[in-house]
Every structure is written in C-alpha cells, then in structure tokens.
Amino acid sequence: MDGAFAVAKRFDYLHIRALLHQADVMAEIEEQLGALDKSEPIQTYLSSRRADENQDRRMLLQQLQRELKTNDEALLRYNPVRKLKPTSELDFSSVAIGSMVRNRSFVQKAASILRSPKLV
C-alpha cells in the first residue's frame, strides 16, 4: 500500500500519560523502599543482598523489576511512533479524508480523531 494512503493518529498525549502513570508507580515503590531501608537499625541490604532477610524489600524489588520492564518496553514501543513524520497536507487531502470529515460522512467520533494535527 502506498504510504500516502496510510493515515493514523499517534495518540501522543495518551502515550505520555501512560508513561507518567508508570513513572509514578515506580516512584511509589522507590518511596516504599526508602522508608523500609530507613526503618532498619542495621542496614545490611547495602552490603549484602544475600544476608538481607527482609522479605518486604525482596518483594518490593521484584515488583520494581516488573515495573521497570513494563516501563522500558512502553518507552521502546513509543519512541519509533514519536519519530514518525506528520502526514503532509497533500497526503491528507489525497485520500479525501479532509472532505469526508468536513462532510460528516464519518461517524462523529472517528471524524474527531482524524482532525488531530498529530496524524502520521
């Protein structure tokens, strides 16, 4: 299919919102780890992971590993989308989407998506 006929919305705002949500989840875990670390009279976690018997810390670190993986995957998925060039006016009009949107021949919600300046 000719690239000029492929028009889609990037949903930048939603990508960023999801990434910020994920960052907040990780910040919460970071706060919990910090509080847990400060509450211990002897902080063996810094010198020996093997000697650390605190199960709460182990669980938080395991959760953090999962959240970091989710975050990294989301960043890697979004980065190429973010770099896509916007649809040119010529390409946009070449598939007559502009006139279809103006004539309301699309369902109203679908038309509002296509009015976005962030089409790729």
N, C-alpha and C. Protein backbone atom coordinates (compact mmCIF):
# COMPACT_ATOMS: atom_id res chain seq x y z
N MET A 1 0.84 -1.18 0.00
CA MET A 1 0.00 0.00 0.00
C MET A 1 0.88 1.24 0.00
N ASP A 2 0.49 2.21 -0.76
CA ASP A 2 1.21 3.47 -0.84
C ASP A 2 1.17 4.18 0.51
N GLY A 3 2.32 4.66 0.98
CA GLY A 3 2.41 5.34 2.26
C GLY A 3 1.51 6.56 2.35
N ALA A 4 1.22 7.19 1.23
CA ALA A 4 0.37 8.37 1.23
C ALA A 4 -1.06 8.03 1.63
N PHE A 5 -1.43 6.77 1.54
CA PHE A 5 -2.78 6.38 1.87
C PHE A 5 -2.91 5.80 3.27
N ALA A 6 -1.83 5.83 4.02
CA ALA A 6 -1.86 5.35 5.40
C ALA A 6 -1.85 6.56 6.34
N VAL A 7 -2.97 6.80 6.96
CA VAL A 7 -3.12 7.93 7.87
C VAL A 7 -3.61 7.39 9.20
N ALA A 8 -2.92 7.75 10.28
CA ALA A 8 -3.31 7.29 11.61
C ALA A 8 -2.96 8.36 12.63
N LYS A 9 -3.59 8.30 13.77
CA LYS A 9 -3.29 9.23 14.85
C LYS A 9 -2.27 8.59 15.78
N ARG A 10 -1.31 9.40 16.26
CA ARG A 10 -0.24 8.87 17.13
C ARG A 10 -0.68 8.74 18.58
N PHE A 11 -1.61 9.50 19.03
CA PHE A 11 -2.05 9.49 20.42
C PHE A 11 -0.90 9.83 21.38
N ASP A 12 -0.14 10.87 21.04
CA ASP A 12 0.99 11.29 21.89
C ASP A 12 0.58 11.53 23.33
N TYR A 13 -0.49 12.28 23.52
CA TYR A 13 -0.93 12.61 24.87
C TYR A 13 -1.19 11.35 25.68
N LEU A 14 -1.84 10.36 25.08
CA LEU A 14 -2.14 9.13 25.81
C LEU A 14 -0.89 8.31 26.10
N HIS A 15 0.04 8.29 25.15
CA HIS A 15 1.31 7.60 25.40
C HIS A 15 2.03 8.23 26.59
N ILE A 16 2.13 9.56 26.57
CA ILE A 16 2.82 10.25 27.64
C ILE A 16 2.10 10.07 28.97
N ARG A 17 0.80 10.12 28.92
CA ARG A 17 0.02 9.93 30.16
C ARG A 17 0.28 8.54 30.75
N ALA A 18 0.31 7.53 29.91
CA ALA A 18 0.58 6.16 30.39
C ALA A 18 2.01 6.05 30.93
N LEU A 19 2.96 6.69 30.26
CA LEU A 19 4.35 6.66 30.75
C LEU A 19 4.48 7.38 32.09
N LEU A 20 3.78 8.49 32.25
CA LEU A 20 3.82 9.21 33.53
C LEU A 20 3.16 8.41 34.64
N HIS A 21 2.10 7.71 34.31
CA HIS A 21 1.46 6.83 35.29
C HIS A 21 2.44 5.75 35.75
N GLN A 22 3.13 5.16 34.79
CA GLN A 22 4.11 4.11 35.11
C GLN A 22 5.24 4.68 35.96
N ALA A 23 5.69 5.89 35.63
CA ALA A 23 6.75 6.53 36.41
C ALA A 23 6.30 6.77 37.85
N ASP A 24 5.04 7.12 38.03
CA ASP A 24 4.52 7.34 39.38
C ASP A 24 4.46 6.03 40.17
N VAL A 25 4.11 4.95 39.50
CA VAL A 25 4.11 3.63 40.16
C VAL A 25 5.51 3.32 40.67
N MET A 26 6.51 3.57 39.83
CA MET A 26 7.90 3.29 40.23
C MET A 26 8.36 4.24 41.32
N ALA A 27 7.94 5.49 41.29
CA ALA A 27 8.30 6.44 42.34
C ALA A 27 7.72 6.01 43.68
N GLU A 28 6.52 5.45 43.64
CA GLU A 28 5.89 4.95 44.86
C GLU A 28 6.70 3.79 45.45
N ILE A 29 7.14 2.90 44.59
CA ILE A 29 7.97 1.78 45.05
C ILE A 29 9.28 2.32 45.63
N GLU A 30 9.86 3.31 44.97
CA GLU A 30 11.10 3.92 45.45
C GLU A 30 10.91 4.51 46.86
N GLU A 31 9.78 5.18 47.08
CA GLU A 31 9.48 5.74 48.40
C GLU A 31 9.33 4.63 49.44
N GLN A 32 8.65 3.55 49.07
CA GLN A 32 8.45 2.43 50.00
C GLN A 32 9.79 1.79 50.35
N LEU A 33 10.65 1.63 49.35
CA LEU A 33 11.97 1.07 49.62
C LEU A 33 12.78 1.98 50.54
N GLY A 34 12.73 3.27 50.28
CA GLY A 34 13.45 4.23 51.12
C GLY A 34 12.99 4.20 52.56
N ALA A 35 11.68 4.16 52.76
CA ALA A 35 11.13 4.10 54.12
C ALA A 35 11.52 2.80 54.81
N LEU A 36 11.47 1.71 54.06
CA LEU A 36 11.85 0.41 54.60
C LEU A 36 13.32 0.39 54.99
N ASP A 37 14.15 0.94 54.13
CA ASP A 37 15.59 0.98 54.40
C ASP A 37 15.89 1.80 55.66
N LYS A 38 15.23 2.94 55.80
CA LYS A 38 15.49 3.82 56.95
C LYS A 38 15.01 3.22 58.26
N SER A 39 14.03 2.34 58.18
CA SER A 39 13.45 1.78 59.40
C SER A 39 14.31 0.68 60.03
N GLU A 40 15.33 0.22 59.34
CA GLU A 40 16.14 -0.87 59.87
C GLU A 40 17.34 -0.34 60.66
N PRO A 41 17.56 -0.90 61.84
CA PRO A 41 18.68 -0.42 62.66
C PRO A 41 20.05 -0.77 62.03
N ILE A 42 20.14 -1.93 61.43
CA ILE A 42 21.38 -2.34 60.75
C ILE A 42 21.03 -2.52 59.28
N GLN A 43 21.67 -1.75 58.45
CA GLN A 43 21.30 -1.74 57.03
C GLN A 43 22.19 -2.69 56.23
N THR A 44 21.91 -3.98 56.37
CA THR A 44 22.71 -4.98 55.66
C THR A 44 22.43 -5.02 54.17
N TYR A 45 21.30 -4.48 53.74
CA TYR A 45 20.93 -4.52 52.33
C TYR A 45 21.96 -3.83 51.45
N LEU A 46 22.67 -2.85 51.99
CA LEU A 46 23.68 -2.15 51.21
C LEU A 46 24.95 -2.98 51.02
N SER A 47 25.24 -3.82 51.98
CA SER A 47 26.49 -4.56 51.91
C SER A 47 26.33 -6.01 51.46
N SER A 48 25.14 -6.58 51.62
CA SER A 48 24.98 -7.98 51.26
C SER A 48 23.53 -8.30 50.92
N ARG A 49 23.26 -8.47 49.65
CA ARG A 49 21.93 -8.88 49.23
C ARG A 49 21.61 -10.26 49.80
N ARG A 50 22.58 -11.12 49.85
CA ARG A 50 22.37 -12.49 50.34
C ARG A 50 22.04 -12.52 51.83
N ALA A 51 22.61 -11.60 52.58
CA ALA A 51 22.35 -11.58 54.02
C ALA A 51 21.06 -10.83 54.37
N ASP A 52 20.50 -10.14 53.43
CA ASP A 52 19.28 -9.37 53.68
C ASP A 52 18.10 -10.32 53.80
N GLU A 53 17.51 -10.39 54.99
CA GLU A 53 16.40 -11.31 55.24
C GLU A 53 15.05 -10.60 55.22
N ASN A 54 15.03 -9.35 54.79
CA ASN A 54 13.79 -8.60 54.78
C ASN A 54 12.97 -8.98 53.55
N GLN A 55 11.90 -9.75 53.78
CA GLN A 55 11.06 -10.24 52.69
C GLN A 55 10.26 -9.11 52.02
N ASP A 56 9.90 -8.09 52.80
CA ASP A 56 9.19 -6.96 52.21
C ASP A 56 10.05 -6.27 51.16
N ARG A 57 11.34 -6.10 51.45
CA ARG A 57 12.24 -5.46 50.49
C ARG A 57 12.39 -6.34 49.25
N ARG A 58 12.53 -7.63 49.46
CA ARG A 58 12.65 -8.54 48.30
C ARG A 58 11.41 -8.45 47.40
N MET A 59 10.24 -8.41 48.03
CA MET A 59 9.00 -8.32 47.24
C MET A 59 8.93 -6.98 46.50
N LEU A 60 9.31 -5.90 47.17
CA LEU A 60 9.30 -4.60 46.51
C LEU A 60 10.29 -4.55 45.35
N LEU A 61 11.45 -5.14 45.54
CA LEU A 61 12.45 -5.16 44.47
C LEU A 61 11.98 -6.01 43.29
N GLN A 62 11.30 -7.10 43.57
CA GLN A 62 10.74 -7.92 42.48
C GLN A 62 9.65 -7.15 41.74
N GLN A 63 8.82 -6.44 42.49
CA GLN A 63 7.78 -5.63 41.86
C GLN A 63 8.43 -4.52 41.02
N LEU A 64 9.48 -3.92 41.56
CA LEU A 64 10.19 -2.87 40.83
C LEU A 64 10.76 -3.41 39.51
N GLN A 65 11.32 -4.61 39.55
CA GLN A 65 11.85 -5.22 38.32
C GLN A 65 10.76 -5.35 37.26
N ARG A 66 9.58 -5.80 37.67
CA ARG A 66 8.46 -5.94 36.73
C ARG A 66 8.04 -4.58 36.18
N GLU A 67 7.95 -3.59 37.07
CA GLU A 67 7.52 -2.26 36.64
C GLU A 67 8.56 -1.61 35.72
N LEU A 68 9.84 -1.79 36.01
CA LEU A 68 10.88 -1.26 35.13
C LEU A 68 10.80 -1.89 33.75
N LYS A 69 10.55 -3.19 33.71
CA LYS A 69 10.43 -3.88 32.42
C LYS A 69 9.24 -3.34 31.63
N THR A 70 8.12 -3.16 32.31
CA THR A 70 6.93 -2.60 31.66
C THR A 70 7.22 -1.20 31.13
N ASN A 71 7.88 -0.39 31.95
CA ASN A 71 8.21 0.98 31.55
C ASN A 71 9.16 1.00 30.35
N ASP A 72 10.20 0.20 30.42
CA ASP A 72 11.18 0.17 29.33
C ASP A 72 10.54 -0.29 28.02
N GLU A 73 9.68 -1.29 28.10
CA GLU A 73 9.00 -1.78 26.91
C GLU A 73 8.09 -0.71 26.32
N ALA A 74 7.38 0.02 27.18
CA ALA A 74 6.49 1.08 26.70
C ALA A 74 7.30 2.20 26.05
N LEU A 75 8.42 2.57 26.65
CA LEU A 75 9.29 3.60 26.05
C LEU A 75 9.81 3.15 24.69
N LEU A 76 10.24 1.91 24.61
CA LEU A 76 10.78 1.41 23.34
C LEU A 76 9.71 1.30 22.26
N ARG A 77 8.48 0.99 22.67
CA ARG A 77 7.38 0.93 21.70
C ARG A 77 7.00 2.32 21.21
N TYR A 78 6.99 3.30 22.13
CA TYR A 78 6.54 4.64 21.76
C TYR A 78 7.60 5.42 20.98
N ASN A 79 8.85 5.20 21.25
CA ASN A 79 9.90 6.01 20.62
C ASN A 79 9.82 6.01 19.09
N PRO A 80 9.67 4.87 18.42
CA PRO A 80 9.55 4.92 16.95
C PRO A 80 8.27 5.62 16.49
N VAL A 81 7.20 5.49 17.24
CA VAL A 81 5.95 6.17 16.89
C VAL A 81 6.16 7.68 16.98
N ARG A 82 6.83 8.11 18.03
CA ARG A 82 7.10 9.54 18.25
C ARG A 82 7.91 10.14 17.11
N LYS A 83 8.76 9.33 16.49
CA LYS A 83 9.64 9.82 15.43
C LYS A 83 9.01 9.82 14.05
N LEU A 84 7.80 9.28 13.92
CA LEU A 84 7.13 9.27 12.62
C LEU A 84 6.86 10.69 12.15
N LYS A 85 7.06 10.92 10.87
CA LYS A 85 6.80 12.25 10.31
C LYS A 85 5.30 12.48 10.23
N PRO A 86 4.87 13.71 10.52
CA PRO A 86 3.44 14.02 10.39
C PRO A 86 2.98 13.86 8.94
N THR A 87 1.71 13.56 8.78
CA THR A 87 1.11 13.45 7.45
C THR A 87 1.11 14.83 6.80
N SER A 88 1.56 14.90 5.57
CA SER A 88 1.55 16.19 4.86
C SER A 88 0.12 16.53 4.46
N GLU A 89 -0.11 17.81 4.24
CA GLU A 89 -1.43 18.26 3.78
C GLU A 89 -1.79 17.58 2.46
N LEU A 90 -0.81 17.42 1.60
CA LEU A 90 -1.05 16.78 0.30
C LEU A 90 -1.51 15.33 0.48
N ASP A 91 -0.79 14.59 1.34
CA ASP A 91 -1.19 13.20 1.60
C ASP A 91 -2.57 13.15 2.24
N PHE A 92 -2.79 14.07 3.17
CA PHE A 92 -4.08 14.10 3.86
C PHE A 92 -5.22 14.31 2.86
N SER A 93 -5.05 15.26 1.99
CA SER A 93 -6.12 15.53 1.02
C SER A 93 -6.16 14.50 -0.10
N SER A 94 -5.05 13.82 -0.36
CA SER A 94 -5.04 12.84 -1.45
C SER A 94 -5.96 11.66 -1.20
N VAL A 95 -6.23 11.37 0.04
CA VAL A 95 -7.17 10.29 0.33
C VAL A 95 -8.55 10.83 0.66
N ALA A 96 -8.72 12.13 0.47
CA ALA A 96 -10.01 12.81 0.62
C ALA A 96 -10.56 12.72 2.03
N ILE A 97 -9.67 12.48 2.99
CA ILE A 97 -10.16 12.41 4.37
C ILE A 97 -10.66 13.78 4.80
N GLY A 98 -9.94 14.82 4.40
CA GLY A 98 -10.36 16.16 4.78
C GLY A 98 -11.78 16.46 4.38
N SER A 99 -12.15 16.13 3.14
CA SER A 99 -13.51 16.41 2.70
C SER A 99 -14.51 15.49 3.38
N MET A 100 -14.13 14.24 3.66
CA MET A 100 -15.05 13.34 4.34
C MET A 100 -15.34 13.85 5.75
N VAL A 101 -14.31 14.36 6.41
CA VAL A 101 -14.50 14.89 7.76
C VAL A 101 -15.40 16.13 7.71
N ARG A 102 -15.13 17.02 6.77
CA ARG A 102 -15.95 18.23 6.65
C ARG A 102 -17.40 17.91 6.33
N ASN A 103 -17.63 16.87 5.54
CA ASN A 103 -19.00 16.49 5.14
C ASN A 103 -19.68 15.58 6.14
N ARG A 104 -18.99 15.27 7.23
CA ARG A 104 -19.54 14.41 8.29
C ARG A 104 -19.93 13.03 7.79
N SER A 105 -19.23 12.52 6.78
CA SER A 105 -19.56 11.19 6.28
C SER A 105 -19.00 10.09 7.18
N PHE A 106 -18.11 10.47 8.11
CA PHE A 106 -17.63 9.52 9.12
C PHE A 106 -18.52 9.63 10.35
N VAL A 107 -18.48 8.62 11.15
CA VAL A 107 -19.11 8.71 12.46
C VAL A 107 -18.43 9.86 13.21
N GLN A 108 -19.17 10.60 14.00
CA GLN A 108 -18.64 11.81 14.64
C GLN A 108 -17.35 11.56 15.41
N LYS A 109 -17.27 10.51 16.20
CA LYS A 109 -16.06 10.26 16.99
C LYS A 109 -14.87 9.93 16.11
N ALA A 110 -15.06 9.15 15.09
CA ALA A 110 -13.97 8.83 14.17
C ALA A 110 -13.48 10.08 13.48
N ALA A 111 -14.40 10.96 13.12
CA ALA A 111 -14.03 12.21 12.46
C ALA A 111 -13.18 13.08 13.38
N SER A 112 -13.51 13.10 14.67
CA SER A 112 -12.73 13.94 15.59
C SER A 112 -11.30 13.44 15.73
N ILE A 113 -11.08 12.17 15.63
CA ILE A 113 -9.73 11.61 15.68
C ILE A 113 -8.93 12.10 14.48
N LEU A 114 -9.55 12.11 13.33
CA LEU A 114 -8.84 12.48 12.11
C LEU A 114 -8.60 13.98 11.99
N ARG A 115 -9.22 14.78 12.84
CA ARG A 115 -8.95 16.22 12.82
C ARG A 115 -7.68 16.56 13.57
N SER A 116 -7.08 15.61 14.24
CA SER A 116 -5.89 15.86 15.05
C SER A 116 -4.72 16.30 14.20
N PRO A 117 -3.91 17.25 14.69
CA PRO A 117 -2.71 17.65 13.93
C PRO A 117 -1.59 16.62 14.04
N LYS A 118 -1.77 15.60 14.87
CA LYS A 118 -0.71 14.61 15.09
C LYS A 118 -0.94 13.34 14.29
N LEU A 119 -1.35 13.45 13.05
CA LEU A 119 -1.54 12.27 12.22
C LEU A 119 -0.19 11.87 11.61
N VAL A 120 0.00 10.60 11.47
CA VAL A 120 1.24 10.09 10.87
C VAL A 120 0.91 9.23 9.68
